[in-house]
């Protein structure tokens, strides 16, 4: 299990807020939620199992360009 720490708390638009909102949304849409890997959020369709979302969550940041490139790198590593 991966332990996540959020320095900015759970208020909008922090990463913790975005993570919780996405988890709730996908759960309500009928997806199984997996937060136990290095990818922030993996959502699998309960019925078909072949629909899978790999989500790298980002919230408010002081360096959006850098964080966007970091996110792309994290997704690339996670899918390989």
PDB file of N, CA and C in Angstrom:
ATOM      1  N   UNK A   1       0.841  -1.182   0.000  1.00  0.00           N
ATOM      2  CA  UNK A   1       0.000   0.000   0.000  1.00  0.00           C
ATOM      3  C   UNK A   1       0.883   1.241   0.000  1.00  0.00           C
ATOM      4  N   UNK A   2       0.545   2.186  -0.819  1.00  0.00           N
ATOM      5  CA  UNK A   2       1.287   3.434  -0.917  1.00  0.00           C
ATOM      6  C   UNK A   2       0.656   4.456   0.026  1.00  0.00           C
ATOM      7  N   UNK A   3       1.455   5.048   0.891  1.00  0.00           N
ATOM      8  CA  UNK A   3       0.973   6.085   1.798  1.00  0.00           C
ATOM      9  C   UNK A   3       1.104   7.436   1.112  1.00  0.00           C
ATOM     10  N   UNK A   4       0.010   8.159   1.034  1.00  0.00           N
ATOM     11  CA  UNK A   4       0.028   9.475   0.387  1.00  0.00           C
ATOM     12  C   UNK A   4      -0.014  10.556   1.457  1.00  0.00           C
ATOM     13  N   UNK A   5       0.769  11.603   1.230  1.00  0.00           N
ATOM     14  CA  UNK A   5       0.768  12.757   2.129  1.00  0.00           C
ATOM     15  C   UNK A   5       0.431  13.991   1.311  1.00  0.00           C
ATOM     16  N   UNK A   6      -0.443  14.795   1.841  1.00  0.00           N
ATOM     17  CA  UNK A   6      -0.860  16.020   1.169  1.00  0.00           C
ATOM     18  C   UNK A   6      -0.525  17.194   2.070  1.00  0.00           C
ATOM     19  N   UNK A   7       0.378  18.029   1.621  1.00  0.00           N
ATOM     20  CA  UNK A   7       0.855  19.135   2.443  1.00  0.00           C
ATOM     21  C   UNK A   7      -0.127  20.301   2.517  1.00  0.00           C
ATOM     22  N   UNK A   8      -0.998  20.439   1.515  1.00  0.00           N
ATOM     23  CA  UNK A   8      -1.887  21.597   1.460  1.00  0.00           C
ATOM     24  C   UNK A   8      -3.271  21.336   2.038  1.00  0.00           C
ATOM     25  N   UNK A   9      -3.514  20.156   2.615  1.00  0.00           N
ATOM     26  CA  UNK A   9      -4.810  19.867   3.210  1.00  0.00           C
ATOM     27  C   UNK A   9      -5.846  19.470   2.185  1.00  0.00           C
ATOM     28  N   UNK A  10      -7.094  19.382   2.638  1.00  0.00           N
ATOM     29  CA  UNK A  10      -8.154  18.865   1.794  1.00  0.00           C
ATOM     30  C   UNK A  10      -9.108  19.882   1.216  1.00  0.00           C
ATOM     31  N   UNK A  11      -8.756  21.147   1.269  1.00  0.00           N
ATOM     32  CA  UNK A  11      -9.637  22.191   0.744  1.00  0.00           C
ATOM     33  C   UNK A  11      -9.436  22.372  -0.761  1.00  0.00           C
ATOM     34  N   UNK A  12     -10.501  22.817  -1.452  1.00  0.00           N
ATOM     35  CA  UNK A  12     -10.428  23.117  -2.881  1.00  0.00           C
ATOM     36  C   UNK A  12      -9.411  24.224  -3.113  1.00  0.00           C
ATOM     37  N   UNK A  13      -8.558  24.148  -4.100  1.00  0.00           N
ATOM     38  CA  UNK A  13      -8.354  23.126  -5.131  1.00  0.00           C
ATOM     39  C   UNK A  13      -7.109  22.262  -4.884  1.00  0.00           C
ATOM     40  N   UNK A  14      -6.911  21.819  -3.662  1.00  0.00           N
ATOM     41  CA  UNK A  14      -5.722  21.029  -3.331  1.00  0.00           C
ATOM     42  C   UNK A  14      -5.774  19.647  -3.990  1.00  0.00           C
ATOM     43  N   UNK A  15      -4.620  18.997  -4.065  1.00  0.00           N
ATOM     44  CA  UNK A  15      -4.545  17.661  -4.660  1.00  0.00           C
ATOM     45  C   UNK A  15      -5.396  16.657  -3.879  1.00  0.00           C
ATOM     46  N   UNK A  16      -5.412  16.772  -2.570  1.00  0.00           N
ATOM     47  CA  UNK A  16      -6.226  15.866  -1.751  1.00  0.00           C
ATOM     48  C   UNK A  16      -7.708  16.014  -2.086  1.00  0.00           C
ATOM     49  N   UNK A  17      -8.169  17.246  -2.279  1.00  0.00           N
ATOM     50  CA  UNK A  17      -9.561  17.506  -2.649  1.00  0.00           C
ATOM     51  C   UNK A  17      -9.882  16.882  -4.002  1.00  0.00           C
ATOM     52  N   UNK A  18      -8.990  17.086  -4.981  1.00  0.00           N
ATOM     53  CA  UNK A  18      -9.197  16.542  -6.327  1.00  0.00           C
ATOM     54  C   UNK A  18      -9.237  15.015  -6.270  1.00  0.00           C
ATOM     55  N   UNK A  19      -8.306  14.412  -5.533  1.00  0.00           N
ATOM     56  CA  UNK A  19      -8.254  12.951  -5.392  1.00  0.00           C
ATOM     57  C   UNK A  19      -9.571  12.418  -4.822  1.00  0.00           C
ATOM     58  N   UNK A  20     -10.034  12.992  -3.729  1.00  0.00           N
ATOM     59  CA  UNK A  20     -11.273  12.527  -3.090  1.00  0.00           C
ATOM     60  C   UNK A  20     -12.478  12.708  -4.015  1.00  0.00           C
ATOM     61  N   UNK A  21     -12.521  13.814  -4.732  1.00  0.00           N
ATOM     62  CA  UNK A  21     -13.636  14.080  -5.646  1.00  0.00           C
ATOM     63  C   UNK A  21     -13.675  13.056  -6.775  1.00  0.00           C
ATOM     64  N   UNK A  22     -12.514  12.744  -7.343  1.00  0.00           N
ATOM     65  CA  UNK A  22     -12.460  11.755  -8.420  1.00  0.00           C
ATOM     66  C   UNK A  22     -12.812  10.356  -7.921  1.00  0.00           C
ATOM     67  N   UNK A  23     -12.341  10.001  -6.741  1.00  0.00           N
ATOM     68  CA  UNK A  23     -12.684   8.695  -6.174  1.00  0.00           C
ATOM     69  C   UNK A  23     -14.195   8.563  -6.015  1.00  0.00           C
ATOM     70  N   UNK A  24     -14.832   9.586  -5.465  1.00  0.00           N
ATOM     71  CA  UNK A  24     -16.284   9.558  -5.273  1.00  0.00           C
ATOM     72  C   UNK A  24     -17.008   9.462  -6.610  1.00  0.00           C
ATOM     73  N   UNK A  25     -16.570  10.252  -7.597  1.00  0.00           N
ATOM     74  CA  UNK A  25     -17.222  10.250  -8.910  1.00  0.00           C
ATOM     75  C   UNK A  25     -17.157   8.864  -9.548  1.00  0.00           C
ATOM     76  N   UNK A  26     -15.962   8.301  -9.629  1.00  0.00           N
ATOM     77  CA  UNK A  26     -15.823   7.008 -10.292  1.00  0.00           C
ATOM     78  C   UNK A  26     -16.534   5.896  -9.517  1.00  0.00           C
ATOM     79  N   UNK A  27     -16.535   5.950  -8.201  1.00  0.00           N
ATOM     80  CA  UNK A  27     -17.251   4.957  -7.403  1.00  0.00           C
ATOM     81  C   UNK A  27     -18.747   5.009  -7.715  1.00  0.00           C
ATOM     82  N   UNK A  28     -19.300   6.210  -7.789  1.00  0.00           N
ATOM     83  CA  UNK A  28     -20.728   6.380  -8.095  1.00  0.00           C
ATOM     84  C   UNK A  28     -21.068   5.920  -9.511  1.00  0.00           C
ATOM     85  N   UNK A  29     -20.077   5.939 -10.408  1.00  0.00           N
ATOM     86  CA  UNK A  29     -20.286   5.493 -11.783  1.00  0.00           C
ATOM     87  C   UNK A  29     -20.126   3.979 -11.928  1.00  0.00           C
ATOM     88  N   UNK A  30     -19.850   3.281 -10.834  1.00  0.00           N
ATOM     89  CA  UNK A  30     -19.763   1.827 -10.870  1.00  0.00           C
ATOM     90  C   UNK A  30     -18.369   1.270 -11.080  1.00  0.00           C
ATOM     91  N   UNK A  31     -17.354   2.026 -10.746  1.00  0.00           N
ATOM     92  CA  UNK A  31     -15.977   1.571 -10.900  1.00  0.00           C
ATOM     93  C   UNK A  31     -15.420   1.083  -9.565  1.00  0.00           C
ATOM     94  N   UNK A  32     -14.544   0.077  -9.634  1.00  0.00           N
ATOM     95  CA  UNK A  32     -13.740  -0.305  -8.479  1.00  0.00           C
ATOM     96  C   UNK A  32     -12.588   0.680  -8.385  1.00  0.00           C
ATOM     97  N   UNK A  33     -12.260   1.102  -7.183  1.00  0.00           N
ATOM     98  CA  UNK A  33     -11.233   2.113  -6.955  1.00  0.00           C
ATOM     99  C   UNK A  33      -9.998   1.449  -6.355  1.00  0.00           C
ATOM    100  N   UNK A  34      -8.842   1.727  -6.954  1.00  0.00           N
ATOM    101  CA  UNK A  34      -7.568   1.187  -6.468  1.00  0.00           C
ATOM    102  C   UNK A  34      -6.618   2.359  -6.234  1.00  0.00           C
ATOM    103  N   UNK A  35      -6.214   2.558  -4.994  1.00  0.00           N
ATOM    104  CA  UNK A  35      -5.249   3.611  -4.659  1.00  0.00           C
ATOM    105  C   UNK A  35      -3.985   3.006  -4.064  1.00  0.00           C
ATOM    106  N   UNK A  36      -3.775   1.714  -4.270  1.00  0.00           N
ATOM    107  CA  UNK A  36      -2.661   1.015  -3.649  1.00  0.00           C
ATOM    108  C   UNK A  36      -1.407   0.926  -4.486  1.00  0.00           C
ATOM    109  N   UNK A  37      -1.346   1.655  -5.595  1.00  0.00           N
ATOM    110  CA  UNK A  37      -0.143   1.612  -6.428  1.00  0.00           C
ATOM    111  C   UNK A  37       0.486   3.002  -6.483  1.00  0.00           C
ATOM    112  N   UNK A  38       1.536   3.117  -7.257  1.00  0.00           N
ATOM    113  CA  UNK A  38       2.196   4.414  -7.384  1.00  0.00           C
ATOM    114  C   UNK A  38       1.460   5.347  -8.334  1.00  0.00           C
ATOM    115  N   UNK A  39       0.498   4.834  -9.074  1.00  0.00           N
ATOM    116  CA  UNK A  39      -0.415   5.690  -9.831  1.00  0.00           C
ATOM    117  C   UNK A  39      -1.461   6.163  -8.826  1.00  0.00           C
ATOM    118  N   UNK A  40      -1.760   7.451  -8.817  1.00  0.00           N
ATOM    119  CA  UNK A  40      -2.652   8.000  -7.790  1.00  0.00           C
ATOM    120  C   UNK A  40      -3.991   7.280  -7.709  1.00  0.00           C
ATOM    121  N   UNK A  41      -4.567   6.976  -8.865  1.00  0.00           N
ATOM    122  CA  UNK A  41      -5.916   6.421  -8.875  1.00  0.00           C
ATOM    123  C   UNK A  41      -6.090   5.519 -10.090  1.00  0.00           C
ATOM    124  N   UNK A  42      -6.505   4.278  -9.848  1.00  0.00           N
ATOM    125  CA  UNK A  42      -6.844   3.353 -10.925  1.00  0.00           C
ATOM    126  C   UNK A  42      -8.303   2.984 -10.731  1.00  0.00           C
ATOM    127  N   UNK A  43      -9.106   3.184 -11.768  1.00  0.00           N
ATOM    128  CA  UNK A  43     -10.538   2.909 -11.702  1.00  0.00           C
ATOM    129  C   UNK A  43     -10.883   1.865 -12.758  1.00  0.00           C
ATOM    130  N   UNK A  44     -11.461   0.732 -12.318  1.00  0.00           N
ATOM    131  CA  UNK A  44     -11.837  -0.356 -13.223  1.00  0.00           C
ATOM    132  C   UNK A  44     -13.354  -0.513 -13.227  1.00  0.00           C
ATOM    133  N   UNK A  45     -13.908  -0.615 -14.424  1.00  0.00           N
ATOM    134  CA  UNK A  45     -15.340  -0.850 -14.557  1.00  0.00           C
ATOM    135  C   UNK A  45     -15.690  -2.193 -13.919  1.00  0.00           C
ATOM    136  N   UNK A  46     -16.658  -2.213 -13.009  1.00  0.00           N
ATOM    137  CA  UNK A  46     -17.015  -3.440 -12.283  1.00  0.00           C
ATOM    138  C   UNK A  46     -17.589  -4.513 -13.198  1.00  0.00           C
ATOM    139  N   UNK A  47     -18.284  -4.110 -14.248  1.00  0.00           N
ATOM    140  CA  UNK A  47     -18.939  -5.085 -15.111  1.00  0.00           C
ATOM    141  C   UNK A  47     -18.019  -5.612 -16.202  1.00  0.00           C
ATOM    142  N   UNK A  48     -17.429  -4.732 -16.973  1.00  0.00           N
ATOM    143  CA  UNK A  48     -16.640  -5.185 -18.124  1.00  0.00           C
ATOM    144  C   UNK A  48     -15.189  -5.485 -17.766  1.00  0.00           C
ATOM    145  N   UNK A  49     -14.656  -4.833 -16.737  1.00  0.00           N
ATOM    146  CA  UNK A  49     -13.263  -4.980 -16.291  1.00  0.00           C
ATOM    147  C   UNK A  49     -12.245  -4.559 -17.348  1.00  0.00           C
ATOM    148  N   UNK A  50     -12.678  -4.303 -18.586  1.00  0.00           N
ATOM    149  CA  UNK A  50     -11.714  -3.898 -19.609  1.00  0.00           C
ATOM    150  C   UNK A  50     -11.634  -2.381 -19.762  1.00  0.00           C
ATOM    151  N   UNK A  51     -12.496  -1.654 -19.075  1.00  0.00           N
ATOM    152  CA  UNK A  51     -12.416  -0.192 -19.058  1.00  0.00           C
ATOM    153  C   UNK A  51     -11.663   0.202 -17.796  1.00  0.00           C
ATOM    154  N   UNK A  52     -10.460   0.741 -17.990  1.00  0.00           N
ATOM    155  CA  UNK A  52      -9.599   1.094 -16.858  1.00  0.00           C
ATOM    156  C   UNK A  52      -9.061   2.507 -17.058  1.00  0.00           C
ATOM    157  N   UNK A  53      -9.201   3.331 -16.044  1.00  0.00           N
ATOM    158  CA  UNK A  53      -8.635   4.681 -16.034  1.00  0.00           C
ATOM    159  C   UNK A  53      -7.418   4.684 -15.114  1.00  0.00           C
ATOM    160  N   UNK A  54      -6.305   5.197 -15.601  1.00  0.00           N
ATOM    161  CA  UNK A  54      -5.112   5.443 -14.784  1.00  0.00           C
ATOM    162  C   UNK A  54      -5.013   6.952 -14.642  1.00  0.00           C
ATOM    163  N   UNK A  55      -5.169   7.464 -13.430  1.00  0.00           N
ATOM    164  CA  UNK A  55      -5.266   8.907 -13.214  1.00  0.00           C
ATOM    165  C   UNK A  55      -4.133   9.377 -12.314  1.00  0.00           C
ATOM    166  N   UNK A  56      -3.405  10.367 -12.781  1.00  0.00           N
ATOM    167  CA  UNK A  56      -2.381  11.039 -11.977  1.00  0.00           C
ATOM    168  C   UNK A  56      -3.003  12.359 -11.528  1.00  0.00           C
ATOM    169  N   UNK A  57      -3.311  12.477 -10.259  1.00  0.00           N
ATOM    170  CA  UNK A  57      -4.056  13.611  -9.717  1.00  0.00           C
ATOM    171  C   UNK A  57      -3.132  14.806  -9.491  1.00  0.00           C
ATOM    172  N   UNK A  58      -3.611  15.978  -9.859  1.00  0.00           N
ATOM    173  CA  UNK A  58      -2.895  17.228  -9.595  1.00  0.00           C
ATOM    174  C   UNK A  58      -3.886  18.254  -9.082  1.00  0.00           C
ATOM    175  N   UNK A  59      -3.441  19.060  -8.154  1.00  0.00           N
ATOM    176  CA  UNK A  59      -4.249  20.145  -7.620  1.00  0.00           C
ATOM    177  C   UNK A  59      -3.581  21.473  -7.927  1.00  0.00           C
ATOM    178  N   UNK A  60      -3.939  22.488  -7.158  1.00  0.00           N
ATOM    179  CA  UNK A  60      -3.357  23.819  -7.337  1.00  0.00           C
ATOM    180  C   UNK A  60      -1.851  23.753  -7.117  1.00  0.00           C
ATOM    181  N   UNK A  61      -1.131  24.493  -7.937  1.00  0.00           N
ATOM    182  CA  UNK A  61       0.325  24.468  -7.866  1.00  0.00           C
ATOM    183  C   UNK A  61       0.892  25.847  -8.166  1.00  0.00           C
ATOM    184  N   UNK A  62       2.078  26.089  -7.685  1.00  0.00           N
ATOM    185  CA  UNK A  62       2.740  27.360  -7.989  1.00  0.00           C
ATOM    186  C   UNK A  62       3.550  27.263  -9.276  1.00  0.00           C
ATOM    187  N   UNK A  63       3.764  26.033  -9.786  1.00  0.00           N
ATOM    188  CA  UNK A  63       4.534  25.830 -11.015  1.00  0.00           C
ATOM    189  C   UNK A  63       3.791  24.877 -11.953  1.00  0.00           C
ATOM    190  N   UNK A  64       2.706  25.341 -12.600  1.00  0.00           N
ATOM    191  CA  UNK A  64       1.887  24.440 -13.407  1.00  0.00           C
ATOM    192  C   UNK A  64       2.633  23.784 -14.567  1.00  0.00           C
ATOM    193  N   UNK A  65       3.537  24.477 -15.213  1.00  0.00           N
ATOM    194  CA  UNK A  65       4.280  23.880 -16.329  1.00  0.00           C
ATOM    195  C   UNK A  65       5.135  22.711 -15.878  1.00  0.00           C
ATOM    196  N   UNK A  66       5.850  22.911 -14.796  1.00  0.00           N
ATOM    197  CA  UNK A  66       6.697  21.851 -14.247  1.00  0.00           C
ATOM    198  C   UNK A  66       5.850  20.672 -13.781  1.00  0.00           C
ATOM    199  N   UNK A  67       4.763  20.941 -13.089  1.00  0.00           N
ATOM    200  CA  UNK A  67       3.915  19.862 -12.595  1.00  0.00           C
ATOM    201  C   UNK A  67       3.248  19.093 -13.728  1.00  0.00           C
ATOM    202  N   UNK A  68       2.895  19.783 -14.814  1.00  0.00           N
ATOM    203  CA  UNK A  68       2.307  19.095 -15.966  1.00  0.00           C
ATOM    204  C   UNK A  68       3.309  18.118 -16.563  1.00  0.00           C
ATOM    205  N   UNK A  69       4.547  18.550 -16.725  1.00  0.00           N
ATOM    206  CA  UNK A  69       5.582  17.662 -17.276  1.00  0.00           C
ATOM    207  C   UNK A  69       5.875  16.514 -16.311  1.00  0.00           C
ATOM    208  N   UNK A  70       5.869  16.789 -15.022  1.00  0.00           N
ATOM    209  CA  UNK A  70       6.057  15.732 -14.027  1.00  0.00           C
ATOM    210  C   UNK A  70       4.932  14.706 -14.134  1.00  0.00           C
ATOM    211  N   UNK A  71       3.713  15.174 -14.294  1.00  0.00           N
ATOM    212  CA  UNK A  71       2.565  14.285 -14.434  1.00  0.00           C
ATOM    213  C   UNK A  71       2.723  13.382 -15.654  1.00  0.00           C
ATOM    214  N   UNK A  72       3.126  13.949 -16.780  1.00  0.00           N
ATOM    215  CA  UNK A  72       3.334  13.141 -17.984  1.00  0.00           C
ATOM    216  C   UNK A  72       4.389  12.073 -17.743  1.00  0.00           C
ATOM    217  N   UNK A  73       5.456  12.435 -17.065  1.00  0.00           N
ATOM    218  CA  UNK A  73       6.500  11.471 -16.745  1.00  0.00           C
ATOM    219  C   UNK A  73       5.999  10.373 -15.830  1.00  0.00           C
ATOM    220  N   UNK A  74       5.197  10.731 -14.841  1.00  0.00           N
ATOM    221  CA  UNK A  74       4.656   9.736 -13.916  1.00  0.00           C
ATOM    222  C   UNK A  74       3.726   8.766 -14.639  1.00  0.00           C
ATOM    223  N   UNK A  75       2.921   9.274 -15.553  1.00  0.00           N
ATOM    224  CA  UNK A  75       2.037   8.393 -16.313  1.00  0.00           C
ATOM    225  C   UNK A  75       2.836   7.474 -17.225  1.00  0.00           C
ATOM    226  N   UNK A  76       3.881   8.009 -17.842  1.00  0.00           N
ATOM    227  CA  UNK A  76       4.727   7.190 -18.715  1.00  0.00           C
ATOM    228  C   UNK A  76       5.392   6.057 -17.967  1.00  0.00           C
ATOM    229  N   UNK A  77       5.917   6.348 -16.801  1.00  0.00           N
ATOM    230  CA  UNK A  77       6.576   5.323 -15.985  1.00  0.00           C
ATOM    231  C   UNK A  77       5.548   4.312 -15.487  1.00  0.00           C
ATOM    232  N   UNK A  78       4.381   4.785 -15.084  1.00  0.00           N
ATOM    233  CA  UNK A  78       3.352   3.894 -14.550  1.00  0.00           C
ATOM    234  C   UNK A  78       2.764   2.956 -15.581  1.00  0.00           C
ATOM    235  N   UNK A  79       2.789   3.330 -16.844  1.00  0.00           N
ATOM    236  CA  UNK A  79       2.196   2.475 -17.876  1.00  0.00           C
ATOM    237  C   UNK A  79       3.203   1.521 -18.487  1.00  0.00           C
ATOM    238  N   UNK A  80       4.480   1.683 -18.151  1.00  0.00           N
ATOM    239  CA  UNK A  80       5.521   0.866 -18.779  1.00  0.00           C
ATOM    240  C   UNK A  80       5.842  -0.344 -18.101  1.00  0.00           C
TER     241      UNK A  80
END
